[in-house]
Amino acid sequence: MNKRTQFQILVTVITSLLLLNSAIAAEDFSIDSSKIVSLCPCSGQTYTVSISNTGDEISAYRVFSSQDNPYDWASPYNAEFTLKPSERTSIPIIVDSQCNVQGGTNFEFIVATTNGLVKKFSQAYLFNQCYNQSIQQGQLSKDPITSESEFTEFTEDYSICPGDNYNIPLKFNNLDEQAKNVYNLGLSAPSWVKLDINQFALEPKQSGILSLRLTPSQELTGSYPLELTSTSKVGDVTEKVEFNIELQRCHLVDIKLPVIENNICSGDESEATITIINNGENTEELELQLQGPEWATLSKQSTTINSESQEDITLDLKPENASGTYNIEFSASSDSIDSSGFIQVNIDPETVCKSTEIQVPSRISLGFGTEFIPVKIYNNGLKESDYDISVSGQDWISVEPDNLELEPGKTWNVNIKSEPSEDIGEGSYPITLTLTTSGTEFTHDITLTLKQQDSITSALNFISYYKYYFYLGLILLLITLANLAIFRFKVINKIKESNKKRQIKKARLEALQKAREARKKKREEESDSK
């Protein structure tokens, strides 16, 4: 081989090496990725991988997951791109894992150029316990809960008063440092416990306060369990709080309403007693009201009753021009108490209650001596009446008695006394007999005719006027004679019975004496025979 040939071969080898070196140096890239990636399950989290064009030419790239990966829920985003020399880009890797994945797993990704240069990188996914949250109970309040309300944590059960309204602030905390989350609330509680909302969202490390509204009715007592759950939409993580709500006997007022069995007469005054008993644990300031006719009133419109105490309230009834059945509603109320009931009152009209009949002739003839005119008073009403009795028209006329109490259905006599003076002449003189009871008057007009009368006429008038007394005396005499006859009959029977007993006793003594004499005679005969 000559020198010229050797030179040509050397030039060819050097040229080939230079061309190969130039090709290799023209396309290259580097991958910057973390060996371990910390993630939260089922979150759709994204992290990035950096790729740099370290070659001398523009290159087109494609990034994709290896077919050997155990799951298909990790994939690059914007997986095809172009880089100029020395240019760098970040490729997002989206991981949308299952919610129940735990621990770690390895994933491999491939980066390839269109010219065939291929590189791989592997990463270990470490799944943490993410989406942590917490719920804090707050101090009980009667005021509405707002975003500006001060929150004070309270970790015990609650004791409240039925009939009052309360709010329990609940503080929800998103403890995750990266993930925003939406929380769905569940409540297991009595119907009088309500939540403002049942879903809300929190940014990472954010807290929010909701109100749990309590509106127990007054008649409730006892202990009620409550469970509140908060479940995150991302991660499906559930947190719960449990506590009891104790309903104390704070406001427990009983009302004993009167039962008015007897009818009340229009125009009369009557009273009934309403008893208010505070069986609760708090002192109660009560407003008292009546719904009914104007003639029904209370002795007071408000009262304060200590715990385990009672008070009597007077119901005043003064019906005027009234009749029928009235249902009167009584109520005792406060911010926490609303207790009421009905009192039934039956009113009889005045004409029925105080019906009175005066029985006496309208015209009467009298002499000039002292005479008495009997008057029958009938109480035909429904109640006992206390009558004030008076007579007017002539100053020589009076009435005895001037006051009379008469039960319903009963009758009594009063006497109008006539004592005309010597200067009174014969003629007709009008008088009026008046009976007054509970403000109601009953009158009867009588015309008295004065004239001189003979003894026979006076006697007949005397008998006529006092015939009822004669009847009464006769009845009393008959009753007395009957009682004497009964007494005499009893005395005679007693004497007869006593005589009979003496005769029986005498016969027994005689028989005994004869028996003794017979035994004595027998003993003597036996002695003589010996």
Protein backbone atom coordinates (compact mmCIF):
# COMPACT_ATOMS: atom_id res chain seq x y z
CA MET A 1 0.00 0.00 0.00
CA ASN A 2 1.54 3.26 -1.06
CA LYS A 3 1.57 6.39 0.93
CA ARG A 4 -1.17 8.04 -1.11
CA THR A 5 -3.57 5.22 -0.33
CA GLN A 6 -2.77 5.22 3.35
CA PHE A 7 -3.46 8.95 3.54
CA GLN A 8 -6.83 8.60 1.90
CA ILE A 9 -7.85 5.84 4.36
CA LEU A 10 -6.78 7.97 7.32
CA VAL A 11 -8.76 10.95 6.06
CA THR A 12 -11.85 8.74 5.61
CA VAL A 13 -11.65 7.35 9.16
CA ILE A 14 -11.15 10.78 10.67
CA THR A 15 -14.04 12.17 8.64
CA SER A 16 -16.33 9.33 9.77
CA LEU A 17 -15.43 9.84 13.39
CA LEU A 18 -16.07 13.56 13.07
CA LEU A 19 -19.45 12.93 11.41
CA LEU A 20 -20.48 10.42 14.14
CA ASN A 21 -19.44 12.80 16.88
CA SER A 22 -21.41 15.56 15.22
CA ALA A 23 -24.57 13.41 15.06
CA ILE A 24 -24.36 12.37 18.70
CA ALA A 25 -23.73 15.87 19.94
CA ALA A 26 -26.65 17.28 17.90
CA GLU A 27 -29.57 15.52 19.90
CA ASP A 28 -29.61 15.00 23.66
CA PHE A 29 -31.78 15.92 26.67
CA SER A 30 -31.86 15.61 30.45
CA ILE A 31 -34.69 14.72 32.84
CA ASP A 32 -35.07 16.33 36.27
CA SER A 33 -37.56 14.37 38.43
CA SER A 34 -38.05 13.52 42.09
CA LYS A 35 -37.36 9.97 43.10
CA ILE A 36 -40.21 10.05 45.66
CA VAL A 37 -43.50 11.89 45.14
CA SER A 38 -45.84 12.37 48.11
CA LEU A 39 -49.50 12.33 47.10
CA CYS A 40 -53.03 12.24 48.47
CA PRO A 41 -55.34 9.47 47.29
CA CYS A 42 -58.23 10.16 44.89
CA SER A 43 -57.37 13.81 44.65
CA GLY A 44 -56.45 14.30 41.01
CA GLN A 45 -53.17 15.89 42.12
CA THR A 46 -50.57 17.18 39.67
CA TYR A 47 -46.81 17.44 39.94
CA THR A 48 -44.18 18.35 37.29
CA VAL A 49 -41.11 16.83 35.67
CA SER A 50 -38.49 19.06 33.98
CA ILE A 51 -36.98 18.15 30.58
CA SER A 52 -34.05 20.15 29.09
CA ASN A 53 -32.71 20.02 25.49
CA THR A 54 -28.99 19.60 25.99
CA GLY A 55 -28.34 18.97 22.28
CA ASP A 56 -27.39 21.33 19.50
CA GLU A 57 -30.52 20.99 17.44
CA ILE A 58 -34.24 21.46 17.84
CA SER A 59 -35.85 18.21 18.98
CA ALA A 60 -39.42 16.98 19.20
CA TYR A 61 -40.35 14.96 22.29
CA ARG A 62 -43.11 12.66 23.51
CA VAL A 63 -43.67 11.61 27.14
CA PHE A 64 -45.81 8.60 28.05
CA SER A 65 -46.37 6.06 30.81
CA SER A 66 -44.70 2.69 30.67
CA GLN A 67 -46.92 -0.26 29.87
CA ASP A 68 -45.35 -2.05 32.83
CA ASN A 69 -46.91 0.39 35.37
CA PRO A 70 -49.22 -1.38 37.90
CA TYR A 71 -52.07 1.16 37.45
CA ASP A 72 -53.29 3.42 34.70
CA TRP A 73 -54.16 6.43 36.82
CA ALA A 74 -50.89 8.40 36.28
CA SER A 75 -50.43 10.15 32.93
CA PRO A 76 -48.49 13.15 31.53
CA TYR A 77 -50.35 16.24 30.37
CA ASN A 78 -49.22 18.07 27.16
CA ALA A 79 -47.16 14.99 26.43
CA GLU A 80 -45.84 16.15 22.99
CA PHE A 81 -43.67 19.25 22.65
CA THR A 82 -40.60 20.75 20.96
CA LEU A 83 -37.51 22.26 22.57
CA LYS A 84 -34.75 24.39 21.12
CA PRO A 85 -31.22 23.78 22.25
CA SER A 86 -30.76 24.73 25.92
CA GLU A 87 -34.54 25.17 26.27
CA ARG A 88 -36.33 23.64 29.26
CA THR A 89 -39.97 22.83 30.03
CA SER A 90 -42.08 21.32 32.85
CA ILE A 91 -44.43 18.50 32.02
CA PRO A 92 -47.41 18.01 34.37
CA ILE A 93 -48.04 14.48 35.60
CA ILE A 94 -51.64 13.97 36.69
CA VAL A 95 -52.26 11.30 39.32
CA ASP A 96 -55.92 10.36 39.85
CA SER A 97 -55.63 7.37 42.16
CA GLN A 98 -58.26 5.29 43.86
CA CYS A 99 -59.48 6.58 47.21
CA ASN A 100 -58.51 3.46 49.13
CA VAL A 101 -54.91 3.28 47.99
CA GLN A 102 -52.33 3.27 50.78
CA GLY A 103 -48.57 3.11 51.12
CA GLY A 104 -46.24 3.34 48.09
CA THR A 105 -45.98 2.11 44.50
CA ASN A 106 -43.46 2.64 41.60
CA PHE A 107 -44.23 4.22 38.24
CA GLU A 108 -42.03 4.46 35.13
CA PHE A 109 -42.27 7.06 32.35
CA ILE A 110 -40.61 7.19 28.91
CA VAL A 111 -39.29 10.27 27.06
CA ALA A 112 -38.54 9.73 23.36
CA THR A 113 -37.51 12.04 20.53
CA THR A 114 -38.79 11.69 16.98
CA ASN A 115 -35.21 10.83 15.96
CA GLY A 116 -35.30 7.75 18.19
CA LEU A 117 -33.44 8.92 21.28
CA VAL A 118 -35.21 7.30 24.27
CA LYS A 119 -34.76 7.79 28.01
CA LYS A 120 -36.69 6.47 31.03
CA PHE A 121 -37.20 7.71 34.56
CA SER A 122 -38.83 6.02 37.57
CA GLN A 123 -40.63 7.52 40.56
CA ALA A 124 -41.94 6.06 43.81
CA TYR A 125 -45.43 7.30 44.73
CA LEU A 126 -45.98 7.55 48.47
CA PHE A 127 -49.69 8.02 49.39
CA ASN A 128 -50.26 9.89 52.63
CA GLN A 129 -53.32 10.18 54.88
CA CYS A 130 -54.68 13.39 53.45
CA TYR A 131 -57.94 15.42 53.68
CA ASN A 132 -57.85 15.43 57.44
CA GLN A 133 -60.48 17.57 59.08
CA SER A 134 -61.71 18.30 62.59
CA ILE A 135 -64.94 19.50 64.18
CA GLN A 136 -65.03 21.54 67.38
CA GLN A 137 -68.08 22.15 69.58
CA GLY A 138 -68.60 25.70 70.80
CA GLN A 139 -70.07 27.36 73.85
CA LEU A 140 -73.88 27.40 73.95
CA SER A 141 -75.45 30.75 73.07
CA LYS A 142 -78.93 32.27 72.87
CA ASP A 143 -77.67 34.83 70.36
CA PRO A 144 -77.46 34.14 66.61
CA ILE A 145 -74.10 32.81 65.41
CA THR A 146 -72.37 35.00 62.83
CA SER A 147 -68.94 35.10 61.21
CA GLU A 148 -67.94 37.72 63.79
CA SER A 149 -69.06 35.66 66.79
CA GLU A 150 -66.30 34.72 69.19
CA PHE A 151 -65.73 30.97 69.29
CA THR A 152 -65.00 29.25 72.61
CA GLU A 153 -64.50 25.51 72.49
CA PHE A 154 -66.77 23.37 74.69
CA THR A 155 -66.21 19.62 75.01
CA GLU A 156 -69.02 18.47 77.33
CA ASP A 157 -72.71 17.70 76.99
CA TYR A 158 -75.20 20.56 76.92
CA SER A 159 -77.98 21.34 79.42
CA ILE A 160 -80.74 23.62 78.16
CA CYS A 161 -84.24 24.74 79.09
CA PRO A 162 -87.19 23.56 76.97
CA GLY A 163 -89.16 26.46 75.59
CA ASP A 164 -86.01 28.54 74.97
CA ASN A 165 -84.07 28.83 71.70
CA TYR A 166 -80.33 28.15 71.57
CA ASN A 167 -77.44 28.01 69.10
CA ILE A 168 -74.41 25.72 69.26
CA PRO A 169 -71.50 26.99 67.14
CA LEU A 170 -69.58 24.23 65.31
CA LYS A 171 -66.13 24.98 63.94
CA PHE A 172 -65.01 22.92 60.91
CA ASN A 173 -61.30 22.83 60.11
CA ASN A 174 -59.70 21.71 56.84
CA LEU A 175 -56.37 20.40 58.11
CA ASP A 176 -55.02 19.59 54.65
CA GLU A 177 -52.23 21.90 53.54
CA GLN A 178 -52.80 21.43 49.83
CA ALA A 179 -56.31 20.34 48.94
CA LYS A 180 -59.46 22.41 48.86
CA ASN A 181 -62.43 20.28 49.81
CA VAL A 182 -66.20 20.19 49.91
CA TYR A 183 -67.88 18.71 52.98
CA ASN A 184 -71.32 17.10 53.22
CA LEU A 185 -72.97 17.14 56.64
CA GLY A 186 -75.20 14.52 58.21
CA LEU A 187 -77.22 14.99 61.38
CA SER A 188 -78.81 12.37 63.62
CA ALA A 189 -80.81 14.34 66.19
CA PRO A 190 -84.35 15.18 67.38
CA SER A 191 -86.57 17.12 65.00
CA TRP A 192 -86.10 20.33 67.02
CA VAL A 193 -82.36 20.38 66.14
CA LYS A 194 -81.54 21.99 62.77
CA LEU A 195 -78.42 22.89 60.75
CA ASP A 196 -78.13 26.11 58.79
CA ILE A 197 -76.72 24.31 55.71
CA ASN A 198 -75.75 20.75 54.80
CA GLN A 199 -72.77 21.41 52.49
CA PHE A 200 -69.87 23.84 52.42
CA ALA A 201 -66.34 24.23 51.01
CA LEU A 202 -63.04 25.11 52.69
CA GLU A 203 -59.70 26.11 51.28
CA PRO A 204 -56.55 24.36 52.57
CA LYS A 205 -55.95 25.14 56.25
CA GLN A 206 -59.19 27.14 56.36
CA SER A 207 -61.84 27.02 59.10
CA GLY A 208 -65.54 27.86 59.08
CA ILE A 209 -68.30 28.13 61.73
CA LEU A 210 -71.85 26.85 61.34
CA SER A 211 -74.76 27.11 63.75
CA LEU A 212 -76.73 24.21 65.18
CA ARG A 213 -80.15 25.62 66.13
CA LEU A 214 -82.05 24.13 69.10
CA THR A 215 -85.77 24.91 69.54
CA PRO A 216 -87.17 22.37 72.06
CA SER A 217 -90.83 22.86 72.94
CA GLN A 218 -91.78 23.55 76.53
CA GLU A 219 -93.32 20.16 77.34
CA LEU A 220 -90.16 18.16 76.48
CA THR A 221 -87.83 16.69 79.11
CA GLY A 222 -85.05 14.10 79.20
CA SER A 223 -81.71 13.47 77.50
CA TYR A 224 -81.31 13.40 73.72
CA PRO A 225 -78.21 12.02 71.90
CA LEU A 226 -76.85 13.87 68.86
CA GLU A 227 -74.37 12.80 66.16
CA LEU A 228 -73.00 15.11 63.49
CA THR A 229 -70.89 13.80 60.59
CA SER A 230 -68.80 15.68 58.03
CA THR A 231 -67.67 13.73 54.93
CA SER A 232 -65.15 15.24 52.49
CA LYS A 233 -66.05 15.07 48.83
CA VAL A 234 -62.38 14.56 47.95
CA GLY A 235 -60.95 11.64 49.86
CA ASP A 236 -64.30 10.50 51.29
CA VAL A 237 -62.96 11.08 54.82
CA THR A 238 -65.59 11.27 57.57
CA GLU A 239 -65.25 13.07 60.89
CA LYS A 240 -67.97 13.07 63.55
CA VAL A 241 -68.85 14.55 66.91
CA GLU A 242 -71.26 13.06 69.44
CA PHE A 243 -72.80 14.66 72.51
CA ASN A 244 -76.01 14.70 74.55
CA ILE A 245 -78.51 17.49 75.04
CA GLU A 246 -80.13 17.42 78.48
CA LEU A 247 -83.49 19.17 78.75
CA GLN A 248 -83.85 20.46 82.28
CA ARG A 249 -87.07 21.39 84.03
CA CYS A 250 -86.25 25.07 83.77
CA HIS A 251 -89.63 26.38 82.69
CA LEU A 252 -92.43 24.15 83.97
CA VAL A 253 -95.56 26.06 84.91
CA ASP A 254 -98.88 24.39 85.69
CA ILE A 255 -102.17 26.25 85.82
CA LYS A 256 -105.11 25.01 87.87
CA LEU A 257 -108.24 26.62 86.51
CA PRO A 258 -111.44 26.74 88.58
CA VAL A 259 -114.49 24.68 87.66
CA ILE A 260 -117.51 26.91 88.20
CA GLU A 261 -120.33 24.40 88.63
CA ASN A 262 -123.11 26.76 89.73
CA ASN A 263 -124.65 29.30 87.43
CA ILE A 264 -124.01 32.96 88.18
CA CYS A 265 -126.81 35.47 88.12
CA SER A 266 -126.49 38.52 85.95
CA GLY A 267 -126.01 41.52 88.19
CA ASP A 268 -124.29 39.52 90.92
CA GLU A 269 -120.61 39.50 91.79
CA SER A 270 -118.61 36.32 92.09
CA GLU A 271 -114.99 35.25 92.50
CA ALA A 272 -112.94 32.23 91.45
CA THR A 273 -109.33 31.29 92.14
CA ILE A 274 -106.70 30.50 89.51
CA THR A 275 -103.60 28.77 90.90
CA ILE A 276 -100.27 29.08 89.08
CA ILE A 277 -97.62 26.54 90.13
CA ASN A 278 -93.95 26.93 89.16
CA ASN A 279 -92.51 23.40 89.10
CA GLY A 280 -89.46 24.51 87.15
CA GLU A 281 -85.96 25.37 88.27
CA ASN A 282 -86.08 29.06 87.34
CA THR A 283 -87.95 32.04 88.75
CA GLU A 284 -90.65 33.03 86.27
CA GLU A 285 -91.89 36.52 85.44
CA LEU A 286 -95.30 35.98 83.86
CA GLU A 287 -97.71 38.21 82.00
CA LEU A 288 -101.34 37.34 82.81
CA GLN A 289 -104.16 37.90 80.33
CA LEU A 290 -107.86 37.18 79.88
CA GLN A 291 -109.70 36.79 76.60
CA GLY A 292 -113.41 37.11 77.25
CA PRO A 293 -116.19 39.50 78.28
CA GLU A 294 -115.30 42.82 79.88
CA TRP A 295 -116.97 41.90 83.15
CA ALA A 296 -114.34 39.20 83.76
CA THR A 297 -111.12 40.68 85.22
CA LEU A 298 -107.99 39.55 87.07
CA SER A 299 -106.68 40.76 90.40
CA LYS A 300 -103.28 41.39 88.74
CA GLN A 301 -101.82 41.46 85.23
CA SER A 302 -98.33 40.14 86.02
CA THR A 303 -96.59 38.14 88.69
CA THR A 304 -93.21 36.70 89.66
CA ILE A 305 -93.15 33.15 91.04
CA ASN A 306 -90.07 31.50 92.50
CA SER A 307 -89.09 27.92 91.74
CA GLU A 308 -91.23 25.27 93.47
CA SER A 309 -93.74 27.95 94.52
CA GLN A 310 -97.30 28.86 93.61
CA GLU A 311 -99.60 31.86 93.64
CA ASP A 312 -103.37 32.30 93.63
CA ILE A 313 -104.88 34.82 91.22
CA THR A 314 -108.44 36.05 91.76
CA LEU A 315 -110.85 36.00 88.84
CA ASP A 316 -113.53 38.64 89.42
CA LEU A 317 -116.87 38.07 87.68
CA LYS A 318 -119.38 40.94 87.59
CA PRO A 319 -121.79 40.16 84.75
CA GLU A 320 -124.23 42.90 83.82
CA ASN A 321 -127.12 42.37 81.41
CA ALA A 322 -125.58 39.03 80.42
CA SER A 323 -126.90 35.54 79.90
CA GLY A 324 -125.65 32.31 78.34
CA THR A 325 -122.39 30.35 78.40
CA TYR A 326 -119.03 32.14 78.22
CA ASN A 327 -115.63 30.51 77.61
CA ILE A 328 -112.99 32.74 79.16
CA GLU A 329 -109.39 32.07 78.14
CA PHE A 330 -106.67 32.62 80.73
CA SER A 331 -102.99 32.72 79.73
CA ALA A 332 -99.71 33.04 81.59
CA SER A 333 -96.76 33.76 79.32
CA SER A 334 -93.14 34.85 79.17
CA ASP A 335 -90.33 34.55 76.63
CA SER A 336 -90.10 30.85 77.50
CA ILE A 337 -93.64 29.97 78.61
CA ASP A 338 -97.03 30.10 76.96
CA SER A 339 -99.58 28.28 79.09
CA SER A 340 -103.32 28.80 78.76
CA GLY A 341 -106.73 27.27 79.34
CA PHE A 342 -110.45 27.98 79.31
CA ILE A 343 -112.88 28.67 82.16
CA GLN A 344 -116.56 28.08 81.42
CA VAL A 345 -119.05 30.41 83.10
CA ASN A 346 -122.82 30.04 82.82
CA ILE A 347 -124.81 33.24 83.38
CA ASP A 348 -128.53 33.24 84.09
CA PRO A 349 -130.52 36.39 83.32
CA GLU A 350 -131.52 38.53 86.25
CA THR A 351 -135.23 37.92 85.66
CA VAL A 352 -134.71 34.18 86.12
CA CYS A 353 -132.27 34.38 89.02
CA LYS A 354 -134.21 36.78 91.20
CA SER A 355 -137.80 35.97 90.35
CA THR A 356 -139.93 36.97 93.37
CA GLU A 357 -143.71 36.91 93.84
CA ILE A 358 -145.56 39.10 96.34
CA GLN A 359 -148.99 37.71 97.19
CA VAL A 360 -151.37 40.16 98.85
CA PRO A 361 -154.69 41.69 97.72
CA SER A 362 -154.44 44.97 95.86
CA ARG A 363 -157.40 46.46 97.77
CA ILE A 364 -157.90 45.95 101.50
CA SER A 365 -160.49 47.36 103.87
CA LEU A 366 -159.28 48.22 107.37
CA GLY A 367 -160.63 49.70 110.52
CA PHE A 368 -159.07 52.42 112.62
CA GLY A 369 -157.45 50.12 115.15
CA THR A 370 -154.11 48.38 114.93
CA GLU A 371 -154.36 45.72 112.26
CA PHE A 372 -151.96 43.42 110.44
CA ILE A 373 -152.04 42.52 106.76
CA PRO A 374 -150.31 39.18 106.04
CA VAL A 375 -148.17 39.14 102.86
CA LYS A 376 -146.76 35.97 101.30
CA ILE A 377 -143.27 36.25 99.75
CA TYR A 378 -142.32 33.55 97.21
CA ASN A 379 -138.68 33.15 96.11
CA ASN A 380 -139.15 31.70 92.62
CA GLY A 381 -135.55 32.41 91.63
CA LEU A 382 -132.51 30.17 91.35
CA LYS A 383 -130.57 31.37 94.37
CA GLU A 384 -131.06 32.44 97.95
CA SER A 385 -132.19 36.02 98.24
CA ASP A 386 -131.64 38.49 101.04
CA TYR A 387 -134.57 40.88 100.94
CA ASP A 388 -134.72 44.37 102.44
CA ILE A 389 -138.45 45.01 102.95
CA SER A 390 -140.02 48.44 103.16
CA VAL A 391 -143.43 50.05 102.77
CA SER A 392 -144.04 53.60 101.61
CA GLY A 393 -146.97 55.91 101.01
CA GLN A 394 -148.33 56.46 104.53
CA ASP A 395 -146.40 57.19 107.67
CA TRP A 396 -148.81 55.10 109.81
CA ILE A 397 -147.92 51.96 107.86
CA SER A 398 -144.91 49.73 108.69
CA VAL A 399 -143.76 46.21 107.86
CA GLU A 400 -142.46 43.37 110.02
CA PRO A 401 -139.84 41.99 109.57
CA ASP A 402 -137.89 44.45 107.47
CA ASN A 403 -135.29 41.86 106.36
CA LEU A 404 -135.71 38.33 105.16
CA GLU A 405 -133.40 35.58 103.83
CA LEU A 406 -135.26 33.11 101.67
CA GLU A 407 -133.92 30.04 99.88
CA PRO A 408 -135.00 29.19 96.32
CA GLY A 409 -138.49 27.70 96.17
CA LYS A 410 -139.36 28.76 99.71
CA THR A 411 -142.19 30.96 101.01
CA TRP A 412 -142.47 33.23 104.03
CA ASN A 413 -145.00 35.67 105.51
CA VAL A 414 -144.42 39.25 106.46
CA ASN A 415 -146.98 41.60 108.03
CA ILE A 416 -147.94 45.10 107.05
CA LYS A 417 -148.93 46.89 110.23
CA SER A 418 -151.63 49.57 110.10
CA GLU A 419 -151.85 52.09 112.95
CA PRO A 420 -153.83 55.11 111.71
CA SER A 421 -153.93 58.07 114.06
CA GLU A 422 -157.13 59.70 115.25
CA ASP A 423 -156.88 62.55 112.78
CA ILE A 424 -156.94 60.17 109.81
CA GLY A 425 -160.32 60.16 108.15
CA GLU A 426 -162.12 57.48 106.23
CA GLY A 427 -161.07 57.00 102.64
CA SER A 428 -158.63 55.22 100.33
CA TYR A 429 -154.90 55.42 100.93
CA PRO A 430 -152.31 54.00 98.45
CA ILE A 431 -149.17 52.31 99.73
CA THR A 432 -146.29 50.46 98.02
CA LEU A 433 -144.54 47.35 99.36
CA THR A 434 -140.94 47.10 98.11
CA LEU A 435 -138.56 44.13 98.27
CA THR A 436 -134.92 44.85 97.36
CA THR A 437 -132.35 42.10 96.74
CA SER A 438 -128.88 42.55 95.18
CA GLY A 439 -129.90 45.85 93.66
CA THR A 440 -133.15 44.54 92.17
CA GLU A 441 -136.50 45.84 93.37
CA PHE A 442 -139.86 44.09 93.40
CA THR A 443 -142.91 46.25 94.22
CA HIS A 444 -146.59 45.73 94.87
CA ASP A 445 -149.12 48.55 95.07
CA ILE A 446 -151.95 48.26 97.61
CA THR A 447 -154.93 50.53 98.22
CA LEU A 448 -156.06 50.64 101.82
CA THR A 449 -159.66 51.67 102.55
CA LEU A 450 -160.22 52.98 106.05
CA LYS A 451 -163.74 52.97 107.51
CA GLN A 452 -165.44 52.39 110.79
CA GLN A 453 -166.32 48.68 111.22
CA ASP A 454 -168.64 46.82 113.63
CA SER A 455 -167.31 44.07 115.88
CA ILE A 456 -168.51 41.24 113.65
CA THR A 457 -166.82 42.67 110.58
CA SER A 458 -163.63 43.28 112.54
CA ALA A 459 -163.70 39.72 113.76
CA LEU A 460 -164.20 38.37 110.26
CA ASN A 461 -161.39 40.53 108.95
CA PHE A 462 -159.20 39.39 111.79
CA ILE A 463 -159.94 35.77 110.96
CA SER A 464 -159.43 36.39 107.24
CA TYR A 465 -156.10 38.11 107.75
CA TYR A 466 -154.81 35.57 110.22
CA LYS A 467 -156.32 32.43 108.77
CA TYR A 468 -152.89 31.12 107.84
CA TYR A 469 -151.78 31.45 111.43
CA PHE A 470 -154.92 29.55 112.48
CA TYR A 471 -154.08 26.88 109.95
CA LEU A 472 -150.56 26.70 111.29
CA GLY A 473 -151.80 26.54 114.88
CA LEU A 474 -154.25 23.78 113.96
CA ILE A 475 -151.49 21.80 112.30
CA LEU A 476 -149.26 22.24 115.33
CA LEU A 477 -152.11 21.14 117.62
CA LEU A 478 -152.73 18.03 115.53
CA ILE A 479 -149.03 17.20 115.57
CA THR A 480 -148.97 17.64 119.35
CA LEU A 481 -152.01 15.39 119.86
CA ALA A 482 -150.49 12.79 117.56
CA ASN A 483 -147.23 12.84 119.51
CA LEU A 484 -149.19 12.49 122.80
CA ALA A 485 -151.11 9.52 121.40
CA ILE A 486 -147.93 7.86 120.30
CA PHE A 487 -146.35 8.50 123.70
CA ARG A 488 -149.40 7.09 125.50
CA PHE A 489 -149.36 4.01 123.30
CA LYS A 490 -145.69 3.42 124.04
CA VAL A 491 -146.25 3.85 127.82
CA ILE A 492 -149.21 1.40 127.86
CA ASN A 493 -147.22 -1.18 125.90
CA LYS A 494 -144.32 -0.79 128.27
CA ILE A 495 -146.61 -1.30 131.33
CA LYS A 496 -148.18 -4.38 129.74
CA GLU A 497 -144.78 -5.85 128.97
CA SER A 498 -143.60 -5.16 132.51
CA ASN A 499 -146.75 -6.85 134.01
CA LYS A 500 -146.23 -9.85 131.77
CA LYS A 501 -142.66 -10.24 132.92
CA ARG A 502 -143.76 -10.04 136.59
CA GLN A 503 -146.41 -12.76 136.06
CA ILE A 504 -143.88 -15.04 134.39
CA LYS A 505 -141.44 -14.47 137.22
CA LYS A 506 -144.16 -15.17 139.82
CA ALA A 507 -145.17 -18.43 138.12
CA ARG A 508 -141.55 -19.56 138.04
CA LEU A 509 -141.14 -18.83 141.76
CA GLU A 510 -144.32 -20.75 142.61
CA ALA A 511 -143.20 -23.75 140.57
CA LEU A 512 -139.83 -23.67 142.28
CA GLN A 513 -141.48 -23.56 145.72
CA LYS A 514 -143.69 -26.54 144.91
CA ALA A 515 -140.69 -28.53 143.73
CA ARG A 516 -138.82 -27.80 146.92
CA GLU A 517 -141.79 -28.93 149.05
CA ALA A 518 -142.14 -32.16 147.03
CA ARG A 519 -138.46 -33.02 147.54
CA LYS A 520 -138.78 -32.28 151.26
CA LYS A 521 -141.87 -34.53 151.61
CA LYS A 522 -140.11 -37.32 149.74
CA ARG A 523 -137.07 -37.17 152.03
CA GLU A 524 -139.41 -37.35 155.13
CA GLU A 525 -141.23 -40.40 153.76
CA GLU A 526 -137.95 -42.17 153.08
CA SER A 527 -136.79 -41.39 156.62
CA ASP A 528 -140.01 -42.80 158.22
CA SER A 529 -139.77 -46.06 156.25
CA LYS A 530 -136.33 -46.72 157.60
